[in-house]
Amino acid sequence: MKNIHDFLKSFAEVNSQKYVENEYVFVRLTDSSKEWHQEALDVFEKYKAEHYKYFVKLNNWKNELLSECENYWIGKIPIDFDLKALVPKEFLIEAIMEELKEEPQEVIKAKDDFGYEFNRVVSSEDYFFETTKGVYWLSFSVYD
């Protein structure tokens, strides 16, 4: 998880502008405790079913991740960050796969209006990775 956090923090800082703050996060929404884990999954599944209009399934998530706004979110590369000869998107995908240790069962993206209604941000992209170990949330947000 450290690789992802370092990547997101470095890229959020360098891609921020005067009076605008970028916040990028990758977190596991479900806890390792079986009771809490199942409860969190149930809440997530219920929310997703009730608010389906806000989500779209990514069939080829590695290509579709950040496809529309890649240059906006991770366009500037921090000079002190080692991408190991990869482009930023490739590095992020490899770091996510290393953390998940499995191919996600489903990756869904929150539609553009999701951020405005729920997050109160200027702009955001939110992705949810569903695996056998839980649900992970990747978020790119801009606060003005």
Protein backbone atom coordinates (compact mmCIF):
# COMPACT_ATOMS: atom_id res chain seq x y z
CA MET A 1 0.00 0.00 0.00
CA LYS A 2 2.99 2.28 0.62
CA ASN A 3 3.88 2.42 -3.12
CA ILE A 4 0.37 3.56 -3.96
CA HIS A 5 0.27 6.14 -1.18
CA ASP A 6 3.68 7.53 -2.14
CA PHE A 7 2.63 7.70 -5.79
CA LEU A 8 -0.71 9.38 -5.07
CA LYS A 9 0.76 11.89 -2.60
CA SER A 10 3.60 12.88 -4.93
CA PHE A 11 1.36 13.25 -7.97
CA ALA A 12 -1.37 15.11 -6.05
CA GLU A 13 1.18 17.66 -4.84
CA VAL A 14 2.86 18.29 -8.18
CA ASN A 15 -0.44 18.45 -10.09
CA SER A 16 -2.02 20.92 -7.65
CA GLN A 17 -2.11 24.60 -8.51
CA LYS A 18 -2.33 27.88 -6.62
CA TYR A 19 -5.56 27.94 -4.58
CA VAL A 20 -6.43 24.43 -5.77
CA GLU A 21 -5.67 21.28 -3.80
CA ASN A 22 -5.59 17.80 -5.26
CA GLU A 23 -6.31 14.85 -3.00
CA TYR A 24 -5.72 11.33 -4.26
CA VAL A 25 -6.50 8.28 -2.10
CA PHE A 26 -6.52 4.51 -2.30
CA VAL A 27 -8.13 2.77 0.66
CA ARG A 28 -9.69 -0.53 1.53
CA LEU A 29 -13.32 0.13 2.39
CA THR A 30 -13.74 -3.17 4.19
CA ASP A 31 -12.00 -4.29 7.35
CA SER A 32 -10.34 -7.67 7.84
CA SER A 33 -12.80 -8.63 10.60
CA LYS A 34 -15.27 -11.06 9.03
CA GLU A 35 -18.35 -9.51 10.65
CA TRP A 36 -17.41 -5.97 9.70
CA HIS A 37 -16.17 -7.10 6.30
CA GLN A 38 -19.51 -8.70 5.41
CA GLU A 39 -21.47 -5.75 6.81
CA ALA A 40 -19.39 -3.28 4.77
CA LEU A 41 -19.82 -5.38 1.61
CA ASP A 42 -23.57 -5.58 2.20
CA VAL A 43 -23.80 -1.80 2.63
CA PHE A 44 -21.69 -1.23 -0.50
CA GLU A 45 -23.75 -3.68 -2.58
CA LYS A 46 -27.02 -2.13 -1.38
CA TYR A 47 -25.77 1.39 -2.12
CA LYS A 48 -24.54 0.33 -5.56
CA ALA A 49 -27.87 -1.32 -6.37
CA GLU A 50 -29.92 1.68 -5.21
CA HIS A 51 -27.70 4.25 -6.96
CA TYR A 52 -26.80 2.26 -10.09
CA LYS A 53 -27.18 5.36 -12.27
CA TYR A 54 -23.98 6.74 -10.72
CA PHE A 55 -21.80 3.76 -11.63
CA VAL A 56 -20.44 2.21 -14.80
CA LYS A 57 -18.63 -1.13 -14.97
CA LEU A 58 -15.20 -1.02 -16.60
CA ASN A 59 -14.78 -4.10 -18.75
CA ASN A 60 -11.14 -3.37 -19.56
CA TRP A 61 -10.22 -1.37 -16.46
CA LYS A 62 -6.48 -1.20 -17.10
CA ASN A 63 -7.10 0.70 -20.35
CA GLU A 64 -10.12 2.65 -19.08
CA LEU A 65 -8.61 3.78 -15.76
CA LEU A 66 -8.06 7.55 -16.08
CA SER A 67 -8.68 7.26 -19.81
CA GLU A 68 -10.40 10.62 -20.16
CA CYS A 69 -8.36 12.69 -17.69
CA GLU A 70 -5.01 10.92 -17.39
CA ASN A 71 -3.00 14.02 -18.28
CA TYR A 72 -5.07 16.12 -15.90
CA TRP A 73 -4.60 13.91 -12.83
CA ILE A 74 -1.09 12.53 -13.36
CA GLY A 75 0.22 14.73 -16.17
CA LYS A 76 3.08 16.38 -14.29
CA ILE A 77 5.65 13.90 -12.99
CA PRO A 78 7.37 14.66 -9.68
CA ILE A 79 11.11 14.94 -10.30
CA ASP A 80 11.96 12.90 -7.19
CA PHE A 81 9.62 9.97 -7.89
CA ASP A 82 11.04 6.76 -9.39
CA LEU A 83 8.54 5.27 -11.86
CA LYS A 84 10.89 2.35 -12.62
CA ALA A 85 10.89 3.16 -16.36
CA LEU A 86 7.08 3.04 -16.56
CA VAL A 87 4.64 5.76 -17.48
CA PRO A 88 2.59 6.97 -14.49
CA LYS A 89 -0.56 5.04 -15.41
CA GLU A 90 1.40 1.79 -15.83
CA PHE A 91 3.12 2.31 -12.48
CA LEU A 92 -0.21 2.95 -10.73
CA ILE A 93 -1.80 -0.16 -12.26
CA GLU A 94 1.17 -2.33 -11.26
CA ALA A 95 1.05 -0.94 -7.71
CA ILE A 96 -2.69 -1.63 -7.47
CA MET A 97 -2.23 -5.19 -8.76
CA GLU A 98 0.60 -5.74 -6.27
CA GLU A 99 -1.66 -4.58 -3.44
CA LEU A 100 -4.71 -6.58 -4.55
CA LYS A 101 -2.68 -9.73 -5.27
CA GLU A 102 -5.47 -10.82 -7.61
CA GLU A 103 -7.40 -9.60 -10.62
CA PRO A 104 -10.42 -7.61 -9.44
CA GLN A 105 -13.76 -9.36 -9.90
CA GLU A 106 -15.24 -6.04 -10.94
CA VAL A 107 -14.02 -2.47 -11.33
CA ILE A 108 -16.61 0.26 -11.42
CA LYS A 109 -16.26 3.96 -12.00
CA ALA A 110 -18.49 6.55 -10.46
CA LYS A 111 -19.99 8.72 -13.18
CA ASP A 112 -19.06 12.39 -13.38
CA ASP A 113 -22.09 13.65 -11.47
CA PHE A 114 -21.33 11.33 -8.53
CA GLY A 115 -18.60 13.65 -7.23
CA TYR A 116 -20.67 16.78 -7.45
CA GLU A 117 -23.64 15.35 -5.57
CA PHE A 118 -21.79 13.45 -2.87
CA ASN A 119 -18.26 14.79 -2.50
CA ARG A 120 -18.77 18.53 -2.99
CA VAL A 121 -15.58 18.80 -4.98
CA VAL A 122 -14.77 20.74 -8.11
CA SER A 123 -13.84 17.59 -9.99
CA SER A 124 -13.32 13.95 -9.13
CA GLU A 125 -12.81 10.48 -10.52
CA ASP A 126 -13.69 7.56 -8.29
CA TYR A 127 -13.07 3.86 -8.90
CA PHE A 128 -14.10 0.86 -6.84
CA PHE A 129 -12.20 -2.42 -7.06
CA GLU A 130 -14.15 -5.44 -5.88
CA THR A 131 -12.02 -8.44 -4.94
CA THR A 132 -12.40 -11.60 -2.88
CA LYS A 133 -10.65 -9.72 -0.03
CA GLY A 134 -12.90 -6.66 -0.08
CA VAL A 135 -13.66 -3.41 -1.82
CA TYR A 136 -11.00 -0.79 -2.51
CA TRP A 137 -11.62 2.84 -3.42
CA LEU A 138 -9.33 4.91 -5.65
CA SER A 139 -10.23 8.59 -5.75
CA PHE A 140 -8.80 11.62 -7.51
CA SER A 141 -10.36 14.87 -6.28
CA VAL A 142 -9.78 18.58 -6.75
CA TYR A 143 -10.85 21.07 -4.10
CA ASP A 144 -11.02 24.75 -4.94
